């Protein structure tokens, strides 16, 4: 395998990871539609959904779809454990409800 082939393979893998992250972020945004105000955007090599905190219209929580071992996970902080697996949208909804209700304080 030449260097160009290797670089091409890496670029293809990164593009596939970005595409997967976008796909899952769009699905999460659809799931949150009607529950919270959201924004979808690309954040570096991943995609994210910003969720407006219902009690304070100036505060947003960013939930990123990150790839670990080529599997999507949801996280809002790189330093904390992930919120849920990529396809577990209900766990994210429950997490947000508990967070916004103050259950984690």
Protein backbone atom coordinates (compact mmCIF):
# COMPACT_ATOMS: atom_id res chain seq x y z
CA UNK A 1 0.00 0.00 0.00
CA UNK A 2 1.42 3.37 -0.98
CA UNK A 3 1.40 6.42 1.23
CA UNK A 4 -1.29 7.99 -0.94
CA UNK A 5 -3.43 4.86 -0.58
CA UNK A 6 -2.99 4.91 3.19
CA UNK A 7 -3.89 8.60 3.40
CA UNK A 8 -6.90 7.99 1.19
CA UNK A 9 -8.06 5.18 3.47
CA UNK A 10 -7.71 7.41 6.56
CA UNK A 11 -9.60 10.24 4.87
CA UNK A 12 -12.38 7.83 3.85
CA UNK A 13 -12.67 6.49 7.40
CA UNK A 14 -12.83 10.00 8.88
CA UNK A 15 -15.46 11.02 6.33
CA UNK A 16 -17.54 7.94 7.20
CA UNK A 17 -17.30 8.79 10.92
CA UNK A 18 -18.39 12.39 10.24
CA UNK A 19 -21.31 11.16 8.12
CA UNK A 20 -22.41 8.76 10.86
CA UNK A 21 -22.16 11.50 13.48
CA UNK A 22 -24.29 13.80 11.32
CA UNK A 23 -26.87 11.09 10.69
CA UNK A 24 -27.30 10.39 14.41
CA UNK A 25 -27.33 14.09 15.33
CA UNK A 26 -30.12 14.72 12.82
CA UNK A 27 -32.12 11.81 14.27
CA UNK A 28 -31.67 13.15 17.81
CA UNK A 29 -32.77 16.62 16.72
CA UNK A 30 -35.90 15.07 15.17
CA UNK A 31 -36.58 13.14 18.41
CA UNK A 32 -36.26 16.32 20.50
CA UNK A 33 -38.54 18.28 18.15
CA UNK A 34 -41.50 19.55 20.15
CA UNK A 35 -39.78 18.93 23.50
CA UNK A 36 -36.98 21.49 23.34
CA UNK A 37 -35.68 24.18 21.04
CA UNK A 38 -32.63 22.76 19.26
CA UNK A 39 -29.90 23.67 16.81
CA UNK A 40 -27.86 21.24 14.73
CA UNK A 41 -24.29 22.05 13.77
CA UNK A 42 -20.91 20.61 12.92
CA UNK A 43 -18.40 20.81 15.76
CA UNK A 44 -14.92 19.96 14.54
CA UNK A 45 -14.90 16.33 13.44
CA UNK A 46 -18.31 15.60 15.00
CA UNK A 47 -21.87 16.84 14.83
CA UNK A 48 -23.77 18.22 17.78
CA UNK A 49 -27.24 19.23 18.88
CA UNK A 50 -27.63 22.29 21.07
CA UNK A 51 -30.61 22.15 23.39
CA UNK A 52 -31.99 25.33 24.95
CA UNK A 53 -32.47 25.11 28.72
CA UNK A 54 -36.22 25.69 29.25
CA UNK A 55 -35.84 27.81 32.41
CA UNK A 56 -33.22 30.20 31.02
CA UNK A 57 -33.56 31.18 27.37
CA UNK A 58 -29.90 32.25 27.25
CA UNK A 59 -28.44 28.85 28.21
CA UNK A 60 -27.76 26.04 25.75
CA UNK A 61 -26.47 22.52 26.40
CA UNK A 62 -24.42 20.99 23.60
CA UNK A 63 -24.70 17.23 23.11
CA UNK A 64 -22.14 15.79 20.73
CA UNK A 65 -22.30 12.58 18.77
CA UNK A 66 -18.77 11.21 19.10
CA UNK A 67 -17.35 8.02 17.68
CA UNK A 68 -15.58 5.51 19.92
CA UNK A 69 -14.31 2.36 18.21
CA UNK A 70 -16.47 3.34 15.22
CA UNK A 71 -19.61 3.33 17.38
CA UNK A 72 -21.58 6.53 18.06
CA UNK A 73 -22.04 7.77 21.63
CA UNK A 74 -23.70 10.85 23.09
CA UNK A 75 -21.75 13.11 25.42
CA UNK A 76 -21.91 16.68 26.62
CA UNK A 77 -18.48 16.73 28.19
CA UNK A 78 -15.40 14.91 27.04
CA UNK A 79 -14.35 14.46 30.69
CA UNK A 80 -17.53 12.71 31.84
CA UNK A 81 -18.85 9.31 30.83
CA UNK A 82 -21.07 9.26 27.77
CA UNK A 83 -24.80 9.87 28.17
CA UNK A 84 -25.96 6.99 25.96
CA UNK A 85 -25.20 4.85 22.95
CA UNK A 86 -25.77 6.56 19.62
CA UNK A 87 -29.05 4.83 18.83
CA UNK A 88 -30.54 5.21 22.34
CA UNK A 89 -32.38 8.48 21.75
CA UNK A 90 -34.83 7.79 24.60
CA UNK A 91 -31.96 7.67 27.10
CA UNK A 92 -30.89 11.14 25.93
CA UNK A 93 -34.47 12.44 26.35
CA UNK A 94 -34.61 11.00 29.88
CA UNK A 95 -31.18 12.43 30.69
CA UNK A 96 -32.18 15.92 29.54
CA UNK A 97 -35.45 15.76 31.49
CA UNK A 98 -33.61 14.80 34.67
CA UNK A 99 -30.86 17.37 34.11
CA UNK A 100 -33.29 20.21 33.46
CA UNK A 101 -35.41 19.14 36.46
CA UNK A 102 -32.35 19.49 38.71
CA UNK A 103 -32.03 15.80 39.56
CA UNK A 104 -28.23 15.91 39.21
CA UNK A 105 -27.53 18.76 41.63
